[in-house]
Amino acid sequence: MAAKNKDQDFVEFIVKGIVNHPDEVKVDRTVDEMGVLITLRVNPEDMGALIGRAGSTARAIRTLTRIVGIRNNARVNLKIEEPEGGRAPRKERNDVDKVVEDLEL
C-alpha cells in the first residue's frame, strides 16, 4: 500500500514546504480507469503561493507528480481545488486621480 501512495505522499511533502499553513493541507487520492487523481486543498491564503506567478509553481508540481506516477507505472493528475467562496477579493488599487483628490490641495 505504501508504494501505491508515493505520489500522494510526494505532493503532500512538496506542498507543505511551500504554504504558510501546512497543517491545513489536505491531499486525497482516487483511482479509476483514467488513472490516479490527486486532489489538493489548502488554506485560501496559501493559494497564491501554491499557484505561483502565472501558474508556474502549480505547473512544476504537476510535472513532478506525473514523473513520480510514471516511475510507478501510473497516470497521475493533480487537481487543485479552489477554496469555498472562490478567490479572496483583490484589494482596491488607488488610481492617480483618486490619490490626487485625496490630497486636498
PDB file of N, CA and C in Angstrom:
ATOM      1  N   MET A   1       0.826  -1.202   0.000  1.00  0.00           N
ATOM      2  CA  MET A   1       0.000   0.000   0.000  1.00  0.00           C
ATOM      3  C   MET A   1       0.862   1.255   0.000  1.00  0.00           C
ATOM      4  N   ALA A   2       1.960   1.243   0.732  1.00  0.00           N
ATOM      5  CA  ALA A   2       2.826   2.419   0.803  1.00  0.00           C
ATOM      6  C   ALA A   2       3.402   2.765  -0.565  1.00  0.00           C
ATOM      7  N   ALA A   3       3.745   1.769  -1.368  1.00  0.00           N
ATOM      8  CA  ALA A   3       4.287   2.016  -2.696  1.00  0.00           C
ATOM      9  C   ALA A   3       3.247   2.674  -3.596  1.00  0.00           C
ATOM     10  N   LYS A   4       1.992   2.346  -3.409  1.00  0.00           N
ATOM     11  CA  LYS A   4       0.926   2.910  -4.241  1.00  0.00           C
ATOM     12  C   LYS A   4       0.686   4.382  -3.922  1.00  0.00           C
ATOM     13  N   ASN A   5       0.979   4.808  -2.693  1.00  0.00           N
ATOM     14  CA  ASN A   5       0.695   6.184  -2.298  1.00  0.00           C
ATOM     15  C   ASN A   5       1.907   7.094  -2.353  1.00  0.00           C
ATOM     16  N   LYS A   6       2.950   6.694  -3.050  1.00  0.00           N
ATOM     17  CA  LYS A   6       4.138   7.547  -3.152  1.00  0.00           C
ATOM     18  C   LYS A   6       3.793   8.885  -3.781  1.00  0.00           C
ATOM     19  N   ASP A   7       2.910   8.874  -4.772  1.00  0.00           N
ATOM     20  CA  ASP A   7       2.528  10.117  -5.430  1.00  0.00           C
ATOM     21  C   ASP A   7       1.803  11.049  -4.456  1.00  0.00           C
ATOM     22  N   GLN A   8       0.904  10.510  -3.663  1.00  0.00           N
ATOM     23  CA  GLN A   8       0.166  11.306  -2.679  1.00  0.00           C
ATOM     24  C   GLN A   8       1.115  11.874  -1.618  1.00  0.00           C
ATOM     25  N   ASP A   9       1.999  11.029  -1.112  1.00  0.00           N
ATOM     26  CA  ASP A   9       2.965  11.476  -0.105  1.00  0.00           C
ATOM     27  C   ASP A   9       3.888  12.552  -0.661  1.00  0.00           C
ATOM     28  N   PHE A  10       4.289  12.396  -1.920  1.00  0.00           N
ATOM     29  CA  PHE A  10       5.168  13.356  -2.575  1.00  0.00           C
ATOM     30  C   PHE A  10       4.492  14.725  -2.661  1.00  0.00           C
ATOM     31  N   VAL A  11       3.247  14.752  -3.142  1.00  0.00           N
ATOM     32  CA  VAL A  11       2.518  16.020  -3.277  1.00  0.00           C
ATOM     33  C   VAL A  11       2.362  16.681  -1.912  1.00  0.00           C
ATOM     34  N   GLU A  12       1.988  15.903  -0.918  1.00  0.00           N
ATOM     35  CA  GLU A  12       1.801  16.443   0.428  1.00  0.00           C
ATOM     36  C   GLU A  12       3.103  17.053   0.955  1.00  0.00           C
ATOM     37  N   PHE A  13       4.215  16.361   0.777  1.00  0.00           N
ATOM     38  CA  PHE A  13       5.518  16.835   1.241  1.00  0.00           C
ATOM     39  C   PHE A  13       5.894  18.149   0.557  1.00  0.00           C
ATOM     40  N   ILE A  14       5.764  18.206  -0.760  1.00  0.00           N
ATOM     41  CA  ILE A  14       6.134  19.403  -1.520  1.00  0.00           C
ATOM     42  C   ILE A  14       5.263  20.594  -1.121  1.00  0.00           C
ATOM     43  N   VAL A  15       3.946  20.378  -1.087  1.00  0.00           N
ATOM     44  CA  VAL A  15       3.023  21.482  -0.810  1.00  0.00           C
ATOM     45  C   VAL A  15       3.195  22.005   0.614  1.00  0.00           C
ATOM     46  N   LYS A  16       3.391  21.119   1.574  1.00  0.00           N
ATOM     47  CA  LYS A  16       3.578  21.574   2.956  1.00  0.00           C
ATOM     48  C   LYS A  16       4.827  22.430   3.099  1.00  0.00           C
ATOM     49  N   GLY A  17       5.808  22.226   2.246  1.00  0.00           N
ATOM     50  CA  GLY A  17       7.008  23.043   2.268  1.00  0.00           C
ATOM     51  C   GLY A  17       6.825  24.413   1.635  1.00  0.00           C
ATOM     52  N   ILE A  18       5.757  24.587   0.860  1.00  0.00           N
ATOM     53  CA  ILE A  18       5.516  25.840   0.147  1.00  0.00           C
ATOM     54  C   ILE A  18       4.577  26.757   0.915  1.00  0.00           C
ATOM     55  N   VAL A  19       3.547  26.202   1.535  1.00  0.00           N
ATOM     56  CA  VAL A  19       2.469  27.007   2.123  1.00  0.00           C
ATOM     57  C   VAL A  19       2.804  27.504   3.529  1.00  0.00           C
ATOM     58  N   ASN A  20       2.039  28.487   3.993  1.00  0.00           N
ATOM     59  CA  ASN A  20       2.206  29.036   5.341  1.00  0.00           C
ATOM     60  C   ASN A  20       1.370  28.312   6.381  1.00  0.00           C
ATOM     61  N   HIS A  21       0.401  27.515   5.950  1.00  0.00           N
ATOM     62  CA  HIS A  21      -0.469  26.759   6.854  1.00  0.00           C
ATOM     63  C   HIS A  21      -0.384  25.270   6.510  1.00  0.00           C
ATOM     64  N   PRO A  22       0.765  24.629   6.769  1.00  0.00           N
ATOM     65  CA  PRO A  22       0.939  23.223   6.366  1.00  0.00           C
ATOM     66  C   PRO A  22      -0.026  22.271   7.055  1.00  0.00           C
ATOM     67  N   ASP A  23      -0.523  22.638   8.228  1.00  0.00           N
ATOM     68  CA  ASP A  23      -1.457  21.765   8.935  1.00  0.00           C
ATOM     69  C   ASP A  23      -2.827  21.717   8.253  1.00  0.00           C
ATOM     70  N   GLU A  24      -3.102  22.640   7.330  1.00  0.00           N
ATOM     71  CA  GLU A  24      -4.388  22.676   6.632  1.00  0.00           C
ATOM     72  C   GLU A  24      -4.322  22.062   5.237  1.00  0.00           C
ATOM     73  N   VAL A  25      -3.201  21.460   4.873  1.00  0.00           N
ATOM     74  CA  VAL A  25      -3.074  20.811   3.566  1.00  0.00           C
ATOM     75  C   VAL A  25      -3.795  19.474   3.610  1.00  0.00           C
ATOM     76  N   LYS A  26      -4.704  19.267   2.653  1.00  0.00           N
ATOM     77  CA  LYS A  26      -5.447  18.006   2.551  1.00  0.00           C
ATOM     78  C   LYS A  26      -5.204  17.426   1.168  1.00  0.00           C
ATOM     79  N   VAL A  27      -4.744  16.186   1.122  1.00  0.00           N
ATOM     80  CA  VAL A  27      -4.452  15.519  -0.138  1.00  0.00           C
ATOM     81  C   VAL A  27      -5.246  14.218  -0.187  1.00  0.00           C
ATOM     82  N   ASP A  28      -6.095  14.089  -1.202  1.00  0.00           N
ATOM     83  CA  ASP A  28      -6.875  12.867  -1.395  1.00  0.00           C
ATOM     84  C   ASP A  28      -6.430  12.194  -2.679  1.00  0.00           C
ATOM     85  N   ARG A  29      -6.561  10.878  -2.726  1.00  0.00           N
ATOM     86  CA  ARG A  29      -6.127  10.097  -3.890  1.00  0.00           C
ATOM     87  C   ARG A  29      -7.254   9.166  -4.309  1.00  0.00           C
ATOM     88  N   THR A  30      -7.649   9.249  -5.574  1.00  0.00           N
ATOM     89  CA  THR A  30      -8.649   8.332  -6.111  1.00  0.00           C
ATOM     90  C   THR A  30      -8.094   7.676  -7.361  1.00  0.00           C
ATOM     91  N   VAL A  31      -8.494   6.438  -7.579  1.00  0.00           N
ATOM     92  CA  VAL A  31      -8.043   5.676  -8.737  1.00  0.00           C
ATOM     93  C   VAL A  31      -9.265   5.232  -9.519  1.00  0.00           C
ATOM     94  N   ASP A  32      -9.230   5.431 -10.844  1.00  0.00           N
ATOM     95  CA  ASP A  32     -10.291   4.911 -11.711  1.00  0.00           C
ATOM     96  C   ASP A  32      -9.664   4.448 -13.016  1.00  0.00           C
ATOM     97  N   GLU A  33     -10.494   4.209 -14.028  1.00  0.00           N
ATOM     98  CA  GLU A  33      -9.976   3.681 -15.296  1.00  0.00           C
ATOM     99  C   GLU A  33      -9.090   4.685 -16.026  1.00  0.00           C
ATOM    100  N   MET A  34      -9.198   5.974 -15.675  1.00  0.00           N
ATOM    101  CA  MET A  34      -8.372   7.004 -16.314  1.00  0.00           C
ATOM    102  C   MET A  34      -7.005   7.145 -15.651  1.00  0.00           C
ATOM    103  N   GLY A  35      -6.840   6.591 -14.460  1.00  0.00           N
ATOM    104  CA  GLY A  35      -5.575   6.699 -13.743  1.00  0.00           C
ATOM    105  C   GLY A  35      -5.786   7.177 -12.328  1.00  0.00           C
ATOM    106  N   VAL A  36      -4.802   7.876 -11.814  1.00  0.00           N
ATOM    107  CA  VAL A  36      -4.830   8.363 -10.435  1.00  0.00           C
ATOM    108  C   VAL A  36      -5.128   9.861 -10.457  1.00  0.00           C
ATOM    109  N   LEU A  37      -6.012  10.285  -9.569  1.00  0.00           N
ATOM    110  CA  LEU A  37      -6.299  11.706  -9.412  1.00  0.00           C
ATOM    111  C   LEU A  37      -5.956  12.111  -7.990  1.00  0.00           C
ATOM    112  N   ILE A  38      -5.011  13.041  -7.873  1.00  0.00           N
ATOM    113  CA  ILE A  38      -4.638  13.604  -6.578  1.00  0.00           C
ATOM    114  C   ILE A  38      -5.397  14.923  -6.453  1.00  0.00           C
ATOM    115  N   THR A  39      -6.214  15.053  -5.412  1.00  0.00           N
ATOM    116  CA  THR A  39      -6.977  16.273  -5.178  1.00  0.00           C
ATOM    117  C   THR A  39      -6.360  17.001  -3.995  1.00  0.00           C
ATOM    118  N   LEU A  40      -6.080  18.275  -4.180  1.00  0.00           N
ATOM    119  CA  LEU A  40      -5.358  19.064  -3.189  1.00  0.00           C
ATOM    120  C   LEU A  40      -6.209  20.237  -2.716  1.00  0.00           C
ATOM    121  N   ARG A  41      -6.269  20.404  -1.393  1.00  0.00           N
ATOM    122  CA  ARG A  41      -6.958  21.544  -0.785  1.00  0.00           C
ATOM    123  C   ARG A  41      -5.998  22.205   0.201  1.00  0.00           C
ATOM    124  N   VAL A  42      -5.932  23.549   0.146  1.00  0.00           N
ATOM    125  CA  VAL A  42      -5.078  24.307   1.061  1.00  0.00           C
ATOM    126  C   VAL A  42      -5.870  25.482   1.615  1.00  0.00           C
ATOM    127  N   ASN A  43      -5.306  26.147   2.611  1.00  0.00           N
ATOM    128  CA  ASN A  43      -5.893  27.355   3.171  1.00  0.00           C
ATOM    129  C   ASN A  43      -5.999  28.392   2.048  1.00  0.00           C
ATOM    130  N   PRO A  44      -7.133  29.121   1.960  1.00  0.00           N
ATOM    131  CA  PRO A  44      -7.286  30.123   0.890  1.00  0.00           C
ATOM    132  C   PRO A  44      -6.145  31.138   0.825  1.00  0.00           C
ATOM    133  N   GLU A  45      -5.538  31.467   1.957  1.00  0.00           N
ATOM    134  CA  GLU A  45      -4.423  32.419   1.961  1.00  0.00           C
ATOM    135  C   GLU A  45      -3.191  31.862   1.258  1.00  0.00           C
ATOM    136  N   ASP A  46      -3.115  30.537   1.128  1.00  0.00           N
ATOM    137  CA  ASP A  46      -1.949  29.895   0.520  1.00  0.00           C
ATOM    138  C   ASP A  46      -2.085  29.665  -0.986  1.00  0.00           C
ATOM    139  N   MET A  47      -3.232  30.003  -1.555  1.00  0.00           N
ATOM    140  CA  MET A  47      -3.446  29.727  -2.981  1.00  0.00           C
ATOM    141  C   MET A  47      -2.438  30.452  -3.863  1.00  0.00           C
ATOM    142  N   GLY A  48      -2.126  31.691  -3.541  1.00  0.00           N
ATOM    143  CA  GLY A  48      -1.169  32.448  -4.352  1.00  0.00           C
ATOM    144  C   GLY A  48       0.202  31.798  -4.385  1.00  0.00           C
ATOM    145  N   ALA A  49       0.672  31.366  -3.217  1.00  0.00           N
ATOM    146  CA  ALA A  49       1.982  30.707  -3.151  1.00  0.00           C
ATOM    147  C   ALA A  49       1.955  29.368  -3.875  1.00  0.00           C
ATOM    148  N   LEU A  50       0.836  28.657  -3.777  1.00  0.00           N
ATOM    149  CA  LEU A  50       0.719  27.352  -4.415  1.00  0.00           C
ATOM    150  C   LEU A  50       0.660  27.459  -5.935  1.00  0.00           C
ATOM    151  N   ILE A  51      -0.073  28.436  -6.432  1.00  0.00           N
ATOM    152  CA  ILE A  51      -0.213  28.606  -7.880  1.00  0.00           C
ATOM    153  C   ILE A  51       1.056  29.221  -8.467  1.00  0.00           C
ATOM    154  N   GLY A  52       1.596  30.240  -7.802  1.00  0.00           N
ATOM    155  CA  GLY A  52       2.812  30.885  -8.296  1.00  0.00           C
ATOM    156  C   GLY A  52       2.509  31.894  -9.387  1.00  0.00           C
ATOM    157  N   ARG A  53       3.517  32.628  -9.765  1.00  0.00           N
ATOM    158  CA  ARG A  53       3.356  33.640 -10.808  1.00  0.00           C
ATOM    159  C   ARG A  53       3.017  32.963 -12.130  1.00  0.00           C
ATOM    160  N   ALA A  54       1.898  33.351 -12.708  1.00  0.00           N
ATOM    161  CA  ALA A  54       1.408  32.799 -13.985  1.00  0.00           C
ATOM    162  C   ALA A  54       1.266  31.279 -13.930  1.00  0.00           C
ATOM    163  N   GLY A  55       1.044  30.737 -12.739  1.00  0.00           N
ATOM    164  CA  GLY A  55       0.816  29.294 -12.610  1.00  0.00           C
ATOM    165  C   GLY A  55       2.068  28.445 -12.639  1.00  0.00           C
ATOM    166  N   SER A  56       3.226  29.079 -12.527  1.00  0.00           N
ATOM    167  CA  SER A  56       4.484  28.334 -12.687  1.00  0.00           C
ATOM    168  C   SER A  56       4.717  27.290 -11.590  1.00  0.00           C
ATOM    169  N   THR A  57       4.378  27.611 -10.347  1.00  0.00           N
ATOM    170  CA  THR A  57       4.592  26.653  -9.261  1.00  0.00           C
ATOM    171  C   THR A  57       3.665  25.464  -9.407  1.00  0.00           C
ATOM    172  N   ALA A  58       2.390  25.722  -9.681  1.00  0.00           N
ATOM    173  CA  ALA A  58       1.423  24.634  -9.867  1.00  0.00           C
ATOM    174  C   ALA A  58       1.826  23.746 -11.039  1.00  0.00           C
ATOM    175  N   ARG A  59       2.287  24.350 -12.122  1.00  0.00           N
ATOM    176  CA  ARG A  59       2.709  23.589 -13.301  1.00  0.00           C
ATOM    177  C   ARG A  59       3.904  22.698 -12.950  1.00  0.00           C
ATOM    178  N   ALA A  60       4.842  23.214 -12.182  1.00  0.00           N
ATOM    179  CA  ALA A  60       6.013  22.428 -11.786  1.00  0.00           C
ATOM    180  C   ALA A  60       5.611  21.247 -10.901  1.00  0.00           C
ATOM    181  N   ILE A  61       4.704  21.489  -9.947  1.00  0.00           N
ATOM    182  CA  ILE A  61       4.247  20.406  -9.065  1.00  0.00           C
ATOM    183  C   ILE A  61       3.542  19.330  -9.888  1.00  0.00           C
ATOM    184  N   ARG A  62       2.708  19.749 -10.855  1.00  0.00           N
ATOM    185  CA  ARG A  62       2.010  18.773 -11.712  1.00  0.00           C
ATOM    186  C   ARG A  62       3.002  17.942 -12.519  1.00  0.00           C
ATOM    187  N   THR A  63       4.024  18.593 -13.061  1.00  0.00           N
ATOM    188  CA  THR A  63       5.031  17.873 -13.853  1.00  0.00           C
ATOM    189  C   THR A  63       5.761  16.846 -12.994  1.00  0.00           C
ATOM    190  N   LEU A  64       6.197  17.256 -11.814  1.00  0.00           N
ATOM    191  CA  LEU A  64       6.899  16.332 -10.928  1.00  0.00           C
ATOM    192  C   LEU A  64       5.999  15.185 -10.471  1.00  0.00           C
ATOM    193  N   THR A  65       4.723  15.489 -10.231  1.00  0.00           N
ATOM    194  CA  THR A  65       3.778  14.443  -9.825  1.00  0.00           C
ATOM    195  C   THR A  65       3.605  13.416 -10.938  1.00  0.00           C
ATOM    196  N   ARG A  66       3.528  13.882 -12.186  1.00  0.00           N
ATOM    197  CA  ARG A  66       3.414  12.944 -13.315  1.00  0.00           C
ATOM    198  C   ARG A  66       4.654  12.057 -13.411  1.00  0.00           C
ATOM    199  N   ILE A  67       5.821  12.630 -13.151  1.00  0.00           N
ATOM    200  CA  ILE A  67       7.063  11.847 -13.207  1.00  0.00           C
ATOM    201  C   ILE A  67       7.059  10.767 -12.133  1.00  0.00           C
ATOM    202  N   VAL A  68       6.626  11.125 -10.911  1.00  0.00           N
ATOM    203  CA  VAL A  68       6.524  10.122  -9.843  1.00  0.00           C
ATOM    204  C   VAL A  68       5.556   9.019 -10.267  1.00  0.00           C
ATOM    205  N   GLY A  69       4.453   9.393 -10.908  1.00  0.00           N
ATOM    206  CA  GLY A  69       3.487   8.411 -11.389  1.00  0.00           C
ATOM    207  C   GLY A  69       4.073   7.496 -12.449  1.00  0.00           C
ATOM    208  N   ILE A  70       4.811   8.062 -13.389  1.00  0.00           N
ATOM    209  CA  ILE A  70       5.433   7.267 -14.451  1.00  0.00           C
ATOM    210  C   ILE A  70       6.400   6.249 -13.860  1.00  0.00           C
ATOM    211  N   ARG A  71       7.150   6.668 -12.851  1.00  0.00           N
ATOM    212  CA  ARG A  71       8.094   5.744 -12.208  1.00  0.00           C
ATOM    213  C   ARG A  71       7.376   4.596 -11.513  1.00  0.00           C
ATOM    214  N   ASN A  72       6.094   4.805 -11.167  1.00  0.00           N
ATOM    215  CA  ASN A  72       5.297   3.764 -10.520  1.00  0.00           C
ATOM    216  C   ASN A  72       4.239   3.191 -11.466  1.00  0.00           C
ATOM    217  N   ASN A  73       4.456   3.372 -12.776  1.00  0.00           N
ATOM    218  CA  ASN A  73       3.574   2.834 -13.817  1.00  0.00           C
ATOM    219  C   ASN A  73       2.122   3.269 -13.653  1.00  0.00           C
ATOM    220  N   ALA A  74       1.907   4.546 -13.402  1.00  0.00           N
ATOM    221  CA  ALA A  74       0.556   5.065 -13.255  1.00  0.00           C
ATOM    222  C   ALA A  74       0.453   6.428 -13.927  1.00  0.00           C
ATOM    223  N   ARG A  75      -0.721   6.722 -14.428  1.00  0.00           N
ATOM    224  CA  ARG A  75      -1.004   8.046 -14.982  1.00  0.00           C
ATOM    225  C   ARG A  75      -1.588   8.875 -13.840  1.00  0.00           C
ATOM    226  N   VAL A  76      -0.867   9.927 -13.440  1.00  0.00           N
ATOM    227  CA  VAL A  76      -1.266  10.719 -12.270  1.00  0.00           C
ATOM    228  C   VAL A  76      -1.572  12.153 -12.697  1.00  0.00           C
ATOM    229  N   ASN A  77      -2.714  12.650 -12.255  1.00  0.00           N
ATOM    230  CA  ASN A  77      -3.097  14.044 -12.482  1.00  0.00           C
ATOM    231  C   ASN A  77      -3.335  14.715 -11.145  1.00  0.00           C
ATOM    232  N   LEU A  78      -3.064  16.003 -11.094  1.00  0.00           N
ATOM    233  CA  LEU A  78      -3.234  16.785  -9.871  1.00  0.00           C
ATOM    234  C   LEU A  78      -4.321  17.827 -10.086  1.00  0.00           C
ATOM    235  N   LYS A  79      -5.297  17.845  -9.180  1.00  0.00           N
ATOM    236  CA  LYS A  79      -6.365  18.838  -9.213  1.00  0.00           C
ATOM    237  C   LYS A  79      -6.248  19.689  -7.962  1.00  0.00           C
ATOM    238  N   ILE A  80      -6.141  21.000  -8.148  1.00  0.00           N
ATOM    239  CA  ILE A  80      -6.083  21.924  -7.021  1.00  0.00           C
ATOM    240  C   ILE A  80      -7.476  22.518  -6.869  1.00  0.00           C
ATOM    241  N   GLU A  81      -8.125  22.229  -5.749  1.00  0.00           N
ATOM    242  CA  GLU A  81      -9.481  22.714  -5.530  1.00  0.00           C
ATOM    243  C   GLU A  81      -9.457  24.173  -5.090  1.00  0.00           C
ATOM    244  N   GLU A  82     -10.331  24.947  -5.698  1.00  0.00           N
ATOM    245  CA  GLU A  82     -10.457  26.356  -5.316  1.00  0.00           C
ATOM    246  C   GLU A  82     -11.184  26.429  -3.984  1.00  0.00           C
ATOM    247  N   PRO A  83     -10.773  27.345  -3.109  1.00  0.00           N
ATOM    248  CA  PRO A  83     -11.394  27.430  -1.783  1.00  0.00           C
ATOM    249  C   PRO A  83     -12.877  27.773  -1.851  1.00  0.00           C
ATOM    250  N   GLU A  84     -13.601  27.460  -0.772  1.00  0.00           N
ATOM    251  CA  GLU A  84     -15.015  27.779  -0.629  1.00  0.00           C
ATOM    252  C   GLU A  84     -15.210  29.263  -0.867  1.00  0.00           C
ATOM    253  N   GLY A  85     -16.196  29.610  -1.676  1.00  0.00           N
ATOM    254  CA  GLY A  85     -16.496  31.013  -1.928  1.00  0.00           C
ATOM    255  C   GLY A  85     -15.605  31.654  -2.981  1.00  0.00           C
ATOM    256  N   GLY A  86     -14.786  30.871  -3.640  1.00  0.00           N
ATOM    257  CA  GLY A  86     -13.926  31.409  -4.694  1.00  0.00           C
ATOM    258  C   GLY A  86     -12.703  32.109  -4.150  1.00  0.00           C
ATOM    259  N   ARG A  87     -12.120  32.915  -4.985  1.00  0.00           N
ATOM    260  CA  ARG A  87     -10.903  33.616  -4.605  1.00  0.00           C
ATOM    261  C   ARG A  87     -11.209  34.772  -3.674  1.00  0.00           C
ATOM    262  N   ALA A  88     -10.236  35.115  -2.879  1.00  0.00           N
ATOM    263  CA  ALA A  88     -10.374  36.277  -1.979  1.00  0.00           C
ATOM    264  C   ALA A  88     -10.448  37.533  -2.831  1.00  0.00           C
ATOM    265  N   PRO A  89     -11.246  38.507  -2.422  1.00  0.00           N
ATOM    266  CA  PRO A  89     -11.346  39.738  -3.219  1.00  0.00           C
ATOM    267  C   PRO A  89     -10.012  40.476  -3.237  1.00  0.00           C
ATOM    268  N   ARG A  90      -9.730  41.076  -4.379  1.00  0.00           N
ATOM    269  CA  ARG A  90      -8.496  41.846  -4.503  1.00  0.00           C
ATOM    270  C   ARG A  90      -8.645  43.151  -3.760  1.00  0.00           C
ATOM    271  N   LYS A  91      -7.546  43.591  -3.211  1.00  0.00           N
ATOM    272  CA  LYS A  91      -7.558  44.887  -2.530  1.00  0.00           C
ATOM    273  C   LYS A  91      -7.728  45.981  -3.572  1.00  0.00           C
ATOM    274  N   GLU A  92      -8.475  47.036  -3.194  1.00  0.00           N
ATOM    275  CA  GLU A  92      -8.716  48.149  -4.110  1.00  0.00           C
ATOM    276  C   GLU A  92      -7.406  48.869  -4.382  1.00  0.00           C
ATOM    277  N   ARG A  93      -7.168  49.099  -5.653  1.00  0.00           N
ATOM    278  CA  ARG A  93      -5.967  49.838  -6.033  1.00  0.00           C
ATOM    279  C   ARG A  93      -6.324  51.297  -6.227  1.00  0.00           C
ATOM    280  N   ASN A  94      -5.504  52.164  -5.739  1.00  0.00           N
ATOM    281  CA  ASN A  94      -5.736  53.597  -5.912  1.00  0.00           C
ATOM    282  C   ASN A  94      -5.214  54.029  -7.270  1.00  0.00           C
ATOM    283  N   ASP A  95      -6.079  54.679  -8.049  1.00  0.00           N
ATOM    284  CA  ASP A  95      -5.586  55.232  -9.293  1.00  0.00           C
ATOM    285  C   ASP A  95      -5.079  56.649  -9.032  1.00  0.00           C
ATOM    286  N   VAL A  96      -4.401  57.211  -9.979  1.00  0.00           N
ATOM    287  CA  VAL A  96      -3.749  58.508  -9.810  1.00  0.00           C
ATOM    288  C   VAL A  96      -4.770  59.595  -9.481  1.00  0.00           C
ATOM    289  N   ASP A  97      -5.926  59.608 -10.185  1.00  0.00           N
ATOM    290  CA  ASP A  97      -6.931  60.653  -9.949  1.00  0.00           C
ATOM    291  C   ASP A  97      -7.447  60.616  -8.518  1.00  0.00           C
ATOM    292  N   LYS A  98      -7.682  59.434  -7.995  1.00  0.00           N
ATOM    293  CA  LYS A  98      -8.208  59.302  -6.635  1.00  0.00           C
ATOM    294  C   LYS A  98      -7.169  59.795  -5.619  1.00  0.00           C
ATOM    295  N   VAL A  99      -5.929  59.465  -5.835  1.00  0.00           N
ATOM    296  CA  VAL A  99      -4.866  59.908  -4.920  1.00  0.00           C
ATOM    297  C   VAL A  99      -4.755  61.424  -4.925  1.00  0.00           C
ATOM    298  N   VAL A 100      -4.839  62.031  -6.118  1.00  0.00           N
ATOM    299  CA  VAL A 100      -4.757  63.489  -6.223  1.00  0.00           C
ATOM    300  C   VAL A 100      -5.940  64.147  -5.516  1.00  0.00           C
ATOM    301  N   GLU A 101      -7.150  63.590  -5.686  1.00  0.00           N
ATOM    302  CA  GLU A 101      -8.329  64.124  -4.999  1.00  0.00           C
ATOM    303  C   GLU A 101      -8.157  64.052  -3.481  1.00  0.00           C
ATOM    304  N   ASP A 102      -7.581  62.975  -3.002  1.00  0.00           N
ATOM    305  CA  ASP A 102      -7.414  62.781  -1.563  1.00  0.00           C
ATOM    306  C   ASP A 102      -6.392  63.750  -0.959  1.00  0.00           C
ATOM    307  N   LEU A 103      -5.546  64.324  -1.769  1.00  0.00           N
ATOM    308  CA  LEU A 103      -4.524  65.244  -1.269  1.00  0.00           C
ATOM    309  C   LEU A 103      -5.147  66.579  -0.802  1.00  0.00           C
ATOM    310  N   GLU A 104      -6.293  66.938  -1.336  1.00  0.00           N
ATOM    311  CA  GLU A 104      -6.992  68.193  -0.989  1.00  0.00           C
ATOM    312  C   GLU A 104      -6.060  69.393  -1.082  1.00  0.00           C
ATOM    313  N   LEU A 105      -5.556  69.615  -2.252  1.00  0.00           N
ATOM    314  CA  LEU A 105      -4.641  70.754  -2.464  1.00  0.00           C
ATOM    315  C   LEU A 105      -5.334  72.064  -2.430  1.00  0.00           C
TER     316      LEU A 105
END
